[in-house]
Amino acid sequence: MRTLPNRTARPVGGRLEIEPDRSSKITALLEPQFPDQQAMLWAVAHADAKGPRFTEDWLNTAAEHLSYESETVWLPVDNSEGPDGETKLSQADAERLRQMLEPLLKEEQRLGSLSPSKLDNLYELLLDKGRFFSREAARPDYAYWGRLSKWTAEETVALSLDKDPEHVNVRSLKPFRKSPFANNFRGLLSIVNRAIELGEIPKGIERNKLKGLCTRMAIDFPSSFENELLLPKGSEGLGGKNASRDKPTLDRMILVMAAQHYDYDPRAEENAEALAKLVADLEAAGLKTSLTMVRRNLQDAWKKIKLRPGLKGVLKKPIPPTA
C-alpha cells in the first residue's frame, strides 16, 4: 500500500483518514483568518531569498510576486515602477503591504513554535467546528427531554452540552479520539458515573436534583441547559425564588433591547453582526453563551409575540411607500 510521505493513516468513523503533517495543520489553522495565505506565503518565500524581511528590497520583491500571483490579493495604489521597470513601492504602499503580511507571518511563527500536542489540540478544535456534533441537527428536542423525570448519566452529559443524547453519545463519539469536545464529553461522563458508583447520586438522575449535582461536582453547565430544562414555568430559580411567569413581557423587553442597541431585525434572514455583538457583550459580562443559542432565543421570542397587537417602533413592520 502506497502512502504519502510524512503522513500517517488513522481510523475515523469506520474508515482510514490521512493524518496531515505539521505544515498542513498550520496551513489549515491559518486559513480562517488569512484566506489568501497561499499567495501571500508564496510571495514571502521569493522575498526571503533577497535578504532580511521588511526591508525595501524585500517588500518590493514580495509586492512583485504577489501582484503576479493574484491581483485580487494585492495591487499598489501608486505607480510602483522604477526607472528600469523594476517594482519600486511608494512609502504608503510599502507600509500597506507590511501591515498585510506581518500579522500572517507572526501567526505562522506562533503556530510553528507550539509543541506537537498544543498544535494538535488547536487543529482538532478547528475540525470540531465542522463535525456532526457541532451542527444544528445535533441540538436536543427540549420539549421531549424536559418531559422525562429522570435521565441516564450519558443523557445528562449530552443535554448539559446542548446535544441530543440519541445522536451525540459515547458510541457516536468513539472514532474521535483527539477531539476536544469528545474528550470533554468522556471526562464529564466519568465524573457523573463515579458519583453514581459512590452512591452520591442515584443511577436515574432526577431533573429537579440536577442543579445540586452540578454545583457539588463543579461542572460548569451552560445557561441554555438551565433555562430549558431546570427552570420550567413556576419552578425554583437559582436563588430559590419562583421563576418569572411573565415571559411574554420579558421576551418583548429582550427583543426591543436587541433591536434598539444592536440593530437586530427579527424579520431579517441575516443578523450575524448584531448577534456577534450581543454574544461578545454577554461574554464580557461573564455569561457563557453562543451565537446559536442567542439566535434561537430571539427567534423563539419573536415567534411568540409577533402576532400580538400594539407592536410599535423598532418591532413594527414598516409600511412600504406608495407609488
C-alpha atoms as a PDB file:
ATOM      1  CA  MET A   1       0.000   0.000   0.000  1.00  0.00           C
ATOM      2  CA  ARG A   2       1.443   3.337  -1.051  1.00  0.00           C
ATOM      3  CA  THR A   3       1.285   6.191   1.476  1.00  0.00           C
ATOM      4  CA  LEU A   4       2.082   9.875   1.304  1.00  0.00           C
ATOM      5  CA  PRO A   5       5.385  10.980   2.837  1.00  0.00           C
ATOM      6  CA  ASN A   6       5.378  12.386   6.386  1.00  0.00           C
ATOM      7  CA  ARG A   7       1.792  11.320   6.920  1.00  0.00           C
ATOM      8  CA  THR A   8       0.085   8.522   8.796  1.00  0.00           C
ATOM      9  CA  ALA A   9      -3.337   6.967   8.477  1.00  0.00           C
ATOM     10  CA  ARG A  10      -5.783   6.671  11.378  1.00  0.00           C
ATOM     11  CA  PRO A  11      -9.263   5.092  11.644  1.00  0.00           C
ATOM     12  CA  VAL A  12     -12.097   7.664  11.901  1.00  0.00           C
ATOM     13  CA  GLY A  13     -15.736   6.697  11.643  1.00  0.00           C
ATOM     14  CA  GLY A  14     -15.019   3.256  10.213  1.00  0.00           C
ATOM     15  CA  ARG A  15     -12.598   4.460   7.537  1.00  0.00           C
ATOM     16  CA  LEU A  16      -8.935   5.361   7.281  1.00  0.00           C
ATOM     17  CA  GLU A  17      -8.098   9.050   7.152  1.00  0.00           C
ATOM     18  CA  ILE A  18      -4.716  10.514   6.303  1.00  0.00           C
ATOM     19  CA  GLU A  19      -3.208  12.292   9.290  1.00  0.00           C
ATOM     20  CA  PRO A  20      -1.894  15.645   7.991  1.00  0.00           C
ATOM     21  CA  ASP A  21       1.677  16.629   8.733  1.00  0.00           C
ATOM     22  CA  ARG A  22       2.629  19.616  10.878  1.00  0.00           C
ATOM     23  CA  SER A  23       2.828  22.019   7.950  1.00  0.00           C
ATOM     24  CA  SER A  24      -0.643  21.061   6.727  1.00  0.00           C
ATOM     25  CA  LYS A  25      -2.108  21.628  10.181  1.00  0.00           C
ATOM     26  CA  ILE A  26      -0.572  25.100  10.378  1.00  0.00           C
ATOM     27  CA  THR A  27      -1.950  25.912   6.919  1.00  0.00           C
ATOM     28  CA  ALA A  28      -5.433  24.791   7.968  1.00  0.00           C
ATOM     29  CA  LEU A  29      -5.290  26.890  11.142  1.00  0.00           C
ATOM     30  CA  LEU A  30      -4.196  29.971   9.207  1.00  0.00           C
ATOM     31  CA  GLU A  31      -6.921  29.613   6.576  1.00  0.00           C
ATOM     32  CA  PRO A  32      -9.918  31.062   8.508  1.00  0.00           C
ATOM     33  CA  GLN A  33      -8.061  34.254   9.385  1.00  0.00           C
ATOM     34  CA  PHE A  34      -5.943  34.530   6.226  1.00  0.00           C
ATOM     35  CA  PRO A  35      -7.869  33.031   3.275  1.00  0.00           C
ATOM     36  CA  ASP A  36      -5.225  34.334   0.812  1.00  0.00           C
ATOM     37  CA  GLN A  37      -2.333  32.881   2.758  1.00  0.00           C
ATOM     38  CA  GLN A  38      -1.033  30.655  -0.051  1.00  0.00           C
ATOM     39  CA  ALA A  39      -0.453  33.560  -2.420  1.00  0.00           C
ATOM     40  CA  MET A  40       0.983  35.682   0.390  1.00  0.00           C
ATOM     41  CA  LEU A  41       3.392  32.999   1.612  1.00  0.00           C
ATOM     42  CA  TRP A  42       4.469  32.224  -1.952  1.00  0.00           C
ATOM     43  CA  ALA A  43       5.460  35.887  -2.383  1.00  0.00           C
ATOM     44  CA  VAL A  44       7.176  35.892   1.010  1.00  0.00           C
ATOM     45  CA  ALA A  45       9.261  32.848   0.053  1.00  0.00           C
ATOM     46  CA  HIS A  46      10.593  34.681  -3.008  1.00  0.00           C
ATOM     47  CA  ALA A  47      11.233  37.842  -0.994  1.00  0.00           C
ATOM     48  CA  ASP A  48      13.122  35.907   1.680  1.00  0.00           C
ATOM     49  CA  ALA A  49      15.719  35.000  -0.928  1.00  0.00           C
ATOM     50  CA  LYS A  50      16.528  38.713  -1.196  1.00  0.00           C
ATOM     51  CA  GLY A  51      17.507  39.140   2.429  1.00  0.00           C
ATOM     52  CA  PRO A  52      16.062  40.323   5.771  1.00  0.00           C
ATOM     53  CA  ARG A  53      12.321  40.752   5.986  1.00  0.00           C
ATOM     54  CA  PHE A  54      10.535  44.102   5.630  1.00  0.00           C
ATOM     55  CA  THR A  55      13.497  45.907   4.108  1.00  0.00           C
ATOM     56  CA  GLU A  56      12.835  47.990   0.997  1.00  0.00           C
ATOM     57  CA  ASP A  57      14.148  45.286  -1.367  1.00  0.00           C
ATOM     58  CA  TRP A  58      12.200  42.589   0.478  1.00  0.00           C
ATOM     59  CA  LEU A  59       8.891  44.479   0.241  1.00  0.00           C
ATOM     60  CA  ASN A  60       9.424  45.315  -3.433  1.00  0.00           C
ATOM     61  CA  THR A  61      10.114  41.658  -4.238  1.00  0.00           C
ATOM     62  CA  ALA A  62       7.103  40.467  -2.241  1.00  0.00           C
ATOM     63  CA  ALA A  63       4.877  43.022  -3.983  1.00  0.00           C
ATOM     64  CA  GLU A  64       6.104  41.981  -7.416  1.00  0.00           C
ATOM     65  CA  HIS A  65       5.386  38.289  -6.888  1.00  0.00           C
ATOM     66  CA  LEU A  66       2.145  38.904  -5.032  1.00  0.00           C
ATOM     67  CA  SER A  67       0.795  41.101  -7.848  1.00  0.00           C
ATOM     68  CA  TYR A  68       1.851  38.456 -10.346  1.00  0.00           C
ATOM     69  CA  GLU A  69       0.238  35.633  -8.366  1.00  0.00           C
ATOM     70  CA  SER A  70      -3.101  37.309  -7.576  1.00  0.00           C
ATOM     71  CA  GLU A  71      -4.275  40.804  -8.402  1.00  0.00           C
ATOM     72  CA  THR A  72      -7.261  40.317  -6.105  1.00  0.00           C
ATOM     73  CA  VAL A  73      -4.976  39.979  -3.076  1.00  0.00           C
ATOM     74  CA  TRP A  74      -2.661  42.919  -3.646  1.00  0.00           C
ATOM     75  CA  LEU A  75      -2.288  45.825  -6.029  1.00  0.00           C
ATOM     76  CA  PRO A  76      -0.361  49.020  -5.269  1.00  0.00           C
ATOM     77  CA  VAL A  77      -2.293  52.285  -5.213  1.00  0.00           C
ATOM     78  CA  ASP A  78       0.577  54.417  -6.516  1.00  0.00           C
ATOM     79  CA  ASN A  79       2.768  53.903  -9.557  1.00  0.00           C
ATOM     80  CA  SER A  80       5.245  51.198  -8.500  1.00  0.00           C
ATOM     81  CA  GLU A  81       7.670  51.099 -11.434  1.00  0.00           C
ATOM     82  CA  GLY A  82      11.244  52.341 -11.129  1.00  0.00           C
ATOM     83  CA  PRO A  83      13.246  53.902 -13.995  1.00  0.00           C
ATOM     84  CA  ASP A  84      14.229  50.460 -15.354  1.00  0.00           C
ATOM     85  CA  GLY A  85      10.761  48.919 -14.991  1.00  0.00           C
ATOM     86  CA  GLU A  86      11.540  47.274 -11.652  1.00  0.00           C
ATOM     87  CA  THR A  87       9.000  47.212  -8.814  1.00  0.00           C
ATOM     88  CA  LYS A  88       9.504  50.167  -6.513  1.00  0.00           C
ATOM     89  CA  LEU A  89       6.744  50.766  -3.981  1.00  0.00           C
ATOM     90  CA  SER A  90       5.833  54.158  -2.644  1.00  0.00           C
ATOM     91  CA  GLN A  91       6.246  54.609   1.094  1.00  0.00           C
ATOM     92  CA  ALA A  92       2.472  54.373   1.610  1.00  0.00           C
ATOM     93  CA  ASP A  93       2.146  51.160  -0.431  1.00  0.00           C
ATOM     94  CA  ALA A  94       5.150  49.612   1.313  1.00  0.00           C
ATOM     95  CA  GLU A  95       3.505  50.282   4.672  1.00  0.00           C
ATOM     96  CA  ARG A  96       0.199  48.808   3.442  1.00  0.00           C
ATOM     97  CA  LEU A  97       1.990  45.656   2.319  1.00  0.00           C
ATOM     98  CA  ARG A  98       3.872  45.366   5.598  1.00  0.00           C
ATOM     99  CA  GLN A  99       0.637  45.669   7.578  1.00  0.00           C
ATOM    100  CA  MET A 100      -0.939  42.957   5.422  1.00  0.00           C
ATOM    101  CA  LEU A 101       1.918  40.448   5.637  1.00  0.00           C
ATOM    102  CA  GLU A 102       3.171  40.974   9.179  1.00  0.00           C
ATOM    103  CA  PRO A 103       0.134  39.521  11.043  1.00  0.00           C
ATOM    104  CA  LEU A 104       0.223  36.397   8.873  1.00  0.00           C
ATOM    105  CA  LEU A 105       3.930  35.847   9.439  1.00  0.00           C
ATOM    106  CA  LYS A 106       3.624  36.416  13.183  1.00  0.00           C
ATOM    107  CA  GLU A 107       0.767  33.933  13.462  1.00  0.00           C
ATOM    108  CA  GLU A 108       2.640  31.397  11.316  1.00  0.00           C
ATOM    109  CA  GLN A 109       5.649  31.777  13.605  1.00  0.00           C
ATOM    110  CA  ARG A 110       3.490  31.397  16.720  1.00  0.00           C
ATOM    111  CA  LEU A 111       1.856  28.231  15.440  1.00  0.00           C
ATOM    112  CA  GLY A 112       5.217  26.871  14.336  1.00  0.00           C
ATOM    113  CA  SER A 113       6.619  27.313  17.846  1.00  0.00           C
ATOM    114  CA  LEU A 114       3.859  25.286  19.500  1.00  0.00           C
ATOM    115  CA  SER A 115       4.512  21.819  20.837  1.00  0.00           C
ATOM    116  CA  PRO A 116       3.024  18.943  18.824  1.00  0.00           C
ATOM    117  CA  SER A 117       0.320  18.364  21.447  1.00  0.00           C
ATOM    118  CA  LYS A 118      -0.772  22.016  21.545  1.00  0.00           C
ATOM    119  CA  LEU A 119      -0.819  22.255  17.764  1.00  0.00           C
ATOM    120  CA  ASP A 120      -2.856  19.039  17.558  1.00  0.00           C
ATOM    121  CA  ASN A 121      -5.346  20.415  20.063  1.00  0.00           C
ATOM    122  CA  LEU A 122      -5.846  23.624  18.070  1.00  0.00           C
ATOM    123  CA  TYR A 123      -6.208  21.624  14.880  1.00  0.00           C
ATOM    124  CA  GLU A 124      -8.777  19.313  16.449  1.00  0.00           C
ATOM    125  CA  LEU A 125     -10.711  22.326  17.771  1.00  0.00           C
ATOM    126  CA  LEU A 126     -10.876  23.570  14.195  1.00  0.00           C
ATOM    127  CA  LEU A 127     -12.079  20.175  12.978  1.00  0.00           C
ATOM    128  CA  ASP A 128     -14.688  20.063  15.752  1.00  0.00           C
ATOM    129  CA  LYS A 129     -16.436  23.086  14.222  1.00  0.00           C
ATOM    130  CA  GLY A 130     -17.303  21.035  11.157  1.00  0.00           C
ATOM    131  CA  ARG A 131     -18.100  17.727  12.824  1.00  0.00           C
ATOM    132  CA  PHE A 132     -21.608  16.327  13.198  1.00  0.00           C
ATOM    133  CA  PHE A 133     -21.953  17.265  16.866  1.00  0.00           C
ATOM    134  CA  SER A 134     -21.446  20.974  16.054  1.00  0.00           C
ATOM    135  CA  ARG A 135     -24.339  21.128  13.599  1.00  0.00           C
ATOM    136  CA  GLU A 136     -27.808  22.408  14.370  1.00  0.00           C
ATOM    137  CA  ALA A 137     -29.223  18.897  13.858  1.00  0.00           C
ATOM    138  CA  ALA A 138     -27.293  17.737  16.940  1.00  0.00           C
ATOM    139  CA  ARG A 139     -29.248  20.027  19.276  1.00  0.00           C
ATOM    140  CA  PRO A 140     -31.798  18.302  21.513  1.00  0.00           C
ATOM    141  CA  ASP A 141     -35.579  18.445  21.437  1.00  0.00           C
ATOM    142  CA  TYR A 142     -36.060  20.043  24.853  1.00  0.00           C
ATOM    143  CA  ALA A 143     -39.820  19.593  24.690  1.00  0.00           C
ATOM    144  CA  TYR A 144     -39.255  15.830  24.646  1.00  0.00           C
ATOM    145  CA  TRP A 145     -36.383  15.560  27.121  1.00  0.00           C
ATOM    146  CA  GLY A 146     -37.988  18.017  29.510  1.00  0.00           C
ATOM    147  CA  ARG A 147     -40.987  15.717  29.948  1.00  0.00           C
ATOM    148  CA  LEU A 148     -38.814  12.901  31.299  1.00  0.00           C
ATOM    149  CA  SER A 149     -38.457  12.852  35.070  1.00  0.00           C
ATOM    150  CA  LYS A 150     -35.078  11.082  35.016  1.00  0.00           C
ATOM    151  CA  TRP A 151     -32.089  10.787  32.713  1.00  0.00           C
ATOM    152  CA  THR A 152     -29.191   8.356  32.495  1.00  0.00           C
ATOM    153  CA  ALA A 153     -25.672   9.613  33.140  1.00  0.00           C
ATOM    154  CA  GLU A 154     -24.935   9.648  29.406  1.00  0.00           C
ATOM    155  CA  GLU A 155     -28.154  11.523  28.615  1.00  0.00           C
ATOM    156  CA  THR A 156     -27.397  14.053  31.331  1.00  0.00           C
ATOM    157  CA  VAL A 157     -23.949  14.836  29.982  1.00  0.00           C
ATOM    158  CA  ALA A 158     -25.209  15.166  26.390  1.00  0.00           C
ATOM    159  CA  LEU A 159     -28.020  17.513  27.423  1.00  0.00           C
ATOM    160  CA  SER A 160     -25.635  19.541  29.580  1.00  0.00           C
ATOM    161  CA  LEU A 161     -23.607  20.211  26.434  1.00  0.00           C
ATOM    162  CA  ASP A 162     -26.732  21.205  24.479  1.00  0.00           C
ATOM    163  CA  LYS A 163     -26.641  17.990  22.430  1.00  0.00           C
ATOM    164  CA  ASP A 164     -29.221  15.354  21.564  1.00  0.00           C
ATOM    165  CA  PRO A 165     -28.355  12.159  23.509  1.00  0.00           C
ATOM    166  CA  GLU A 166     -29.711   9.998  20.691  1.00  0.00           C
ATOM    167  CA  HIS A 167     -27.150  11.409  18.264  1.00  0.00           C
ATOM    168  CA  VAL A 168     -24.279  12.543  20.489  1.00  0.00           C
ATOM    169  CA  ASN A 169     -23.206   9.753  22.809  1.00  0.00           C
ATOM    170  CA  VAL A 170     -20.264   7.541  23.718  1.00  0.00           C
ATOM    171  CA  ARG A 171     -20.760   5.320  20.688  1.00  0.00           C
ATOM    172  CA  SER A 172     -21.045   8.122  18.111  1.00  0.00           C
ATOM    173  CA  LEU A 173     -18.029   9.939  19.608  1.00  0.00           C
ATOM    174  CA  LYS A 174     -15.815   6.859  19.807  1.00  0.00           C
ATOM    175  CA  PRO A 175     -13.996   7.473  16.475  1.00  0.00           C
ATOM    176  CA  PHE A 176     -12.916  10.966  17.572  1.00  0.00           C
ATOM    177  CA  ARG A 177     -10.054  10.119  19.913  1.00  0.00           C
ATOM    178  CA  LYS A 178      -8.372  13.534  19.740  1.00  0.00           C
ATOM    179  CA  SER A 179     -11.472  15.725  19.595  1.00  0.00           C
ATOM    180  CA  PRO A 180     -11.567  18.255  22.486  1.00  0.00           C
ATOM    181  CA  PHE A 181     -15.370  18.083  22.523  1.00  0.00           C
ATOM    182  CA  ALA A 182     -15.411  14.290  22.606  1.00  0.00           C
ATOM    183  CA  ASN A 183     -12.767  14.185  25.330  1.00  0.00           C
ATOM    184  CA  ASN A 184     -14.710  16.719  27.388  1.00  0.00           C
ATOM    185  CA  PHE A 185     -17.829  14.582  26.966  1.00  0.00           C
ATOM    186  CA  ARG A 186     -15.991  11.484  28.138  1.00  0.00           C
ATOM    187  CA  GLY A 187     -14.444  13.366  31.079  1.00  0.00           C
ATOM    188  CA  LEU A 188     -17.801  14.678  32.315  1.00  0.00           C
ATOM    189  CA  LEU A 189     -19.372  11.257  31.928  1.00  0.00           C
ATOM    190  CA  SER A 190     -16.585   9.735  34.008  1.00  0.00           C
ATOM    191  CA  ILE A 191     -17.280  12.248  36.795  1.00  0.00           C
ATOM    192  CA  VAL A 192     -21.007  11.528  36.805  1.00  0.00           C
ATOM    193  CA  ASN A 193     -20.516   7.747  36.651  1.00  0.00           C
ATOM    194  CA  ARG A 194     -18.113   7.900  39.590  1.00  0.00           C
ATOM    195  CA  ALA A 195     -20.679   9.835  41.625  1.00  0.00           C
ATOM    196  CA  ILE A 196     -23.214   7.101  40.863  1.00  0.00           C
ATOM    197  CA  GLU A 197     -20.747   4.345  41.856  1.00  0.00           C
ATOM    198  CA  LEU A 198     -20.019   6.092  45.158  1.00  0.00           C
ATOM    199  CA  GLY A 199     -23.708   6.463  45.886  1.00  0.00           C
ATOM    200  CA  GLU A 200     -23.663  10.259  45.743  1.00  0.00           C
ATOM    201  CA  ILE A 201     -26.490  10.276  43.220  1.00  0.00           C
ATOM    202  CA  PRO A 202     -28.964   7.622  42.031  1.00  0.00           C
ATOM    203  CA  LYS A 203     -28.484   5.819  38.748  1.00  0.00           C
ATOM    204  CA  GLY A 204     -31.538   7.572  37.361  1.00  0.00           C
ATOM    205  CA  ILE A 205     -30.685  11.282  37.643  1.00  0.00           C
ATOM    206  CA  GLU A 206     -33.726  13.374  38.516  1.00  0.00           C
ATOM    207  CA  ARG A 207     -34.113  16.645  36.731  1.00  0.00           C
ATOM    208  CA  ASN A 208     -35.115  18.559  39.859  1.00  0.00           C
ATOM    209  CA  LYS A 209     -31.953  17.433  41.681  1.00  0.00           C
ATOM    210  CA  LEU A 210     -29.566  18.066  38.859  1.00  0.00           C
ATOM    211  CA  LYS A 211     -28.690  21.651  39.800  1.00  0.00           C
ATOM    212  CA  GLY A 212     -27.388  20.472  43.161  1.00  0.00           C
ATOM    213  CA  LEU A 213     -25.349  17.760  41.457  1.00  0.00           C
ATOM    214  CA  CYS A 214     -23.777  20.280  39.107  1.00  0.00           C
ATOM    215  CA  THR A 215     -22.861  22.579  41.992  1.00  0.00           C
ATOM    216  CA  ARG A 216     -21.322  19.816  44.155  1.00  0.00           C
ATOM    217  CA  MET A 217     -19.279  18.422  41.289  1.00  0.00           C
ATOM    218  CA  ALA A 218     -18.181  21.848  40.000  1.00  0.00           C
ATOM    219  CA  ILE A 219     -19.406  21.142  36.469  1.00  0.00           C
ATOM    220  CA  ASP A 220     -19.917  24.342  34.518  1.00  0.00           C
ATOM    221  CA  PHE A 221     -23.079  23.590  32.585  1.00  0.00           C
ATOM    222  CA  PRO A 222     -24.220  26.185  30.025  1.00  0.00           C
ATOM    223  CA  SER A 223     -27.066  28.565  30.760  1.00  0.00           C
ATOM    224  CA  SER A 224     -29.138  27.015  27.964  1.00  0.00           C
ATOM    225  CA  PHE A 225     -29.278  23.752  29.898  1.00  0.00           C
ATOM    226  CA  GLU A 226     -30.564  25.504  32.980  1.00  0.00           C
ATOM    227  CA  ASN A 227     -33.047  27.693  31.129  1.00  0.00           C
ATOM    228  CA  GLU A 228     -34.516  24.904  29.016  1.00  0.00           C
ATOM    229  CA  LEU A 229     -34.577  22.003  31.461  1.00  0.00           C
ATOM    230  CA  LEU A 230     -34.033  23.138  35.040  1.00  0.00           C
ATOM    231  CA  LEU A 231     -36.355  26.131  35.172  1.00  0.00           C
ATOM    232  CA  PRO A 232     -39.733  25.180  33.729  1.00  0.00           C
ATOM    233  CA  LYS A 233     -42.607  27.569  34.356  1.00  0.00           C
ATOM    234  CA  GLY A 234     -43.193  28.015  38.075  1.00  0.00           C
ATOM    235  CA  SER A 235     -40.057  26.142  39.162  1.00  0.00           C
ATOM    236  CA  GLU A 236     -37.449  27.489  41.546  1.00  0.00           C
ATOM    237  CA  GLY A 237     -34.600  29.586  40.227  1.00  0.00           C
ATOM    238  CA  LEU A 238     -31.033  29.722  41.430  1.00  0.00           C
ATOM    239  CA  GLY A 239     -31.908  31.752  44.491  1.00  0.00           C
ATOM    240  CA  GLY A 240     -34.883  29.644  45.452  1.00  0.00           C
ATOM    241  CA  LYS A 241     -37.404  32.162  44.079  1.00  0.00           C
ATOM    242  CA  ASN A 242     -40.125  31.292  41.632  1.00  0.00           C
ATOM    243  CA  ALA A 243     -39.169  31.766  38.027  1.00  0.00           C
ATOM    244  CA  SER A 244     -40.936  34.645  36.346  1.00  0.00           C
ATOM    245  CA  ARG A 245     -44.298  33.795  34.826  1.00  0.00           C
ATOM    246  CA  ASP A 246     -44.490  36.968  32.736  1.00  0.00           C
ATOM    247  CA  LYS A 247     -42.383  35.584  29.919  1.00  0.00           C
ATOM    248  CA  PRO A 248     -44.114  37.482  27.064  1.00  0.00           C
ATOM    249  CA  THR A 249     -43.104  40.768  28.700  1.00  0.00           C
ATOM    250  CA  LEU A 250     -39.524  39.581  29.148  1.00  0.00           C
ATOM    251  CA  ASP A 251     -39.465  38.399  25.539  1.00  0.00           C
ATOM    252  CA  ARG A 252     -40.592  41.799  24.330  1.00  0.00           C
ATOM    253  CA  MET A 253     -38.008  43.554  26.509  1.00  0.00           C
ATOM    254  CA  ILE A 254     -35.211  41.384  25.121  1.00  0.00           C
ATOM    255  CA  LEU A 255     -36.285  41.929  21.523  1.00  0.00           C
ATOM    256  CA  VAL A 256     -36.608  45.693  21.955  1.00  0.00           C
ATOM    257  CA  MET A 257     -33.150  45.967  23.519  1.00  0.00           C
ATOM    258  CA  ALA A 258     -31.616  43.785  20.800  1.00  0.00           C
ATOM    259  CA  ALA A 259     -33.300  45.856  18.078  1.00  0.00           C
ATOM    260  CA  GLN A 260     -32.540  49.274  19.570  1.00  0.00           C
ATOM    261  CA  HIS A 261     -28.977  48.725  20.772  1.00  0.00           C
ATOM    262  CA  TYR A 262     -27.679  46.050  18.389  1.00  0.00           C
ATOM    263  CA  ASP A 263     -29.701  46.727  15.203  1.00  0.00           C
ATOM    264  CA  TYR A 264     -31.259  43.261  15.416  1.00  0.00           C
ATOM    265  CA  ASP A 265     -34.082  42.780  12.879  1.00  0.00           C
ATOM    266  CA  PRO A 266     -36.399  39.873  13.778  1.00  0.00           C
ATOM    267  CA  ARG A 267     -37.659  39.687  10.180  1.00  0.00           C
ATOM    268  CA  ALA A 268     -34.232  39.601   8.527  1.00  0.00           C
ATOM    269  CA  GLU A 269     -32.668  36.320   7.449  1.00  0.00           C
ATOM    270  CA  GLU A 270     -29.190  37.540   8.363  1.00  0.00           C
ATOM    271  CA  ASN A 271     -28.295  39.157  11.703  1.00  0.00           C
ATOM    272  CA  ALA A 272     -24.724  37.935  12.056  1.00  0.00           C
ATOM    273  CA  GLU A 273     -23.208  41.282  13.059  1.00  0.00           C
ATOM    274  CA  ALA A 274     -25.887  42.050  15.657  1.00  0.00           C
ATOM    275  CA  LEU A 275     -25.668  38.557  17.140  1.00  0.00           C
ATOM    276  CA  ALA A 276     -21.873  38.696  17.310  1.00  0.00           C
ATOM    277  CA  LYS A 277     -22.043  41.965  19.271  1.00  0.00           C
ATOM    278  CA  LEU A 278     -24.658  40.512  21.620  1.00  0.00           C
ATOM    279  CA  VAL A 279     -22.590  37.419  22.338  1.00  0.00           C
ATOM    280  CA  ALA A 280     -19.436  39.486  22.872  1.00  0.00           C
ATOM    281  CA  ASP A 281     -21.176  41.746  25.416  1.00  0.00           C
ATOM    282  CA  LEU A 282     -22.756  38.793  27.213  1.00  0.00           C
ATOM    283  CA  GLU A 283     -19.423  37.003  27.497  1.00  0.00           C
ATOM    284  CA  ALA A 284     -17.757  40.229  28.666  1.00  0.00           C
ATOM    285  CA  ALA A 285     -20.324  40.256  31.479  1.00  0.00           C
ATOM    286  CA  GLY A 286     -19.393  36.676  32.406  1.00  0.00           C
ATOM    287  CA  LEU A 287     -22.370  34.944  30.756  1.00  0.00           C
ATOM    288  CA  LYS A 288     -21.298  31.973  28.659  1.00  0.00           C
ATOM    289  CA  THR A 289     -23.433  31.531  25.547  1.00  0.00           C
ATOM    290  CA  SER A 290     -23.166  31.054  21.781  1.00  0.00           C
ATOM    291  CA  LEU A 291     -24.387  32.573  18.532  1.00  0.00           C
ATOM    292  CA  THR A 292     -26.721  29.630  18.018  1.00  0.00           C
ATOM    293  CA  MET A 293     -28.273  29.977  21.463  1.00  0.00           C
ATOM    294  CA  VAL A 294     -28.796  33.745  21.235  1.00  0.00           C
ATOM    295  CA  ARG A 295     -30.228  33.450  17.718  1.00  0.00           C
ATOM    296  CA  ARG A 296     -32.628  30.707  18.731  1.00  0.00           C
ATOM    297  CA  ASN A 297     -33.837  32.540  21.846  1.00  0.00           C
ATOM    298  CA  LEU A 298     -34.540  35.730  19.909  1.00  0.00           C
ATOM    299  CA  GLN A 299     -36.280  33.817  17.125  1.00  0.00           C
ATOM    300  CA  ASP A 300     -38.412  31.924  19.651  1.00  0.00           C
ATOM    301  CA  ALA A 301     -39.325  35.178  21.374  1.00  0.00           C
ATOM    302  CA  TRP A 302     -40.351  36.739  18.075  1.00  0.00           C
ATOM    303  CA  LYS A 303     -42.498  33.755  17.100  1.00  0.00           C
ATOM    304  CA  LYS A 304     -44.422  34.029  20.372  1.00  0.00           C
ATOM    305  CA  ILE A 305     -45.195  37.750  20.273  1.00  0.00           C
ATOM    306  CA  LYS A 306     -45.208  38.819  16.621  1.00  0.00           C
ATOM    307  CA  LEU A 307     -48.976  38.364  16.317  1.00  0.00           C
ATOM    308  CA  ARG A 308     -49.734  40.409  19.402  1.00  0.00           C
ATOM    309  CA  PRO A 309     -51.450  43.750  18.708  1.00  0.00           C
ATOM    310  CA  GLY A 310     -49.773  47.023  19.549  1.00  0.00           C
ATOM    311  CA  LEU A 311     -46.230  46.315  18.370  1.00  0.00           C
ATOM    312  CA  LYS A 312     -44.636  49.683  17.731  1.00  0.00           C
ATOM    313  CA  GLY A 313     -41.307  51.308  16.977  1.00  0.00           C
ATOM    314  CA  VAL A 314     -38.422  49.058  16.028  1.00  0.00           C
ATOM    315  CA  LEU A 315     -40.602  45.945  16.061  1.00  0.00           C
ATOM    316  CA  LYS A 316     -43.383  47.363  13.919  1.00  0.00           C
ATOM    317  CA  LYS A 317     -43.221  46.269  10.306  1.00  0.00           C
ATOM    318  CA  PRO A 318     -42.701  49.380   8.174  1.00  0.00           C
ATOM    319  CA  ILE A 319     -45.388  50.221   5.621  1.00  0.00           C
ATOM    320  CA  PRO A 320     -43.888  50.353   2.107  1.00  0.00           C
ATOM    321  CA  PRO A 321     -44.208  53.729   0.398  1.00  0.00           C
ATOM    322  CA  THR A 322     -46.967  54.068  -2.178  1.00  0.00           C
ATOM    323  CA  ALA A 323     -46.065  54.769  -5.776  1.00  0.00           C
END
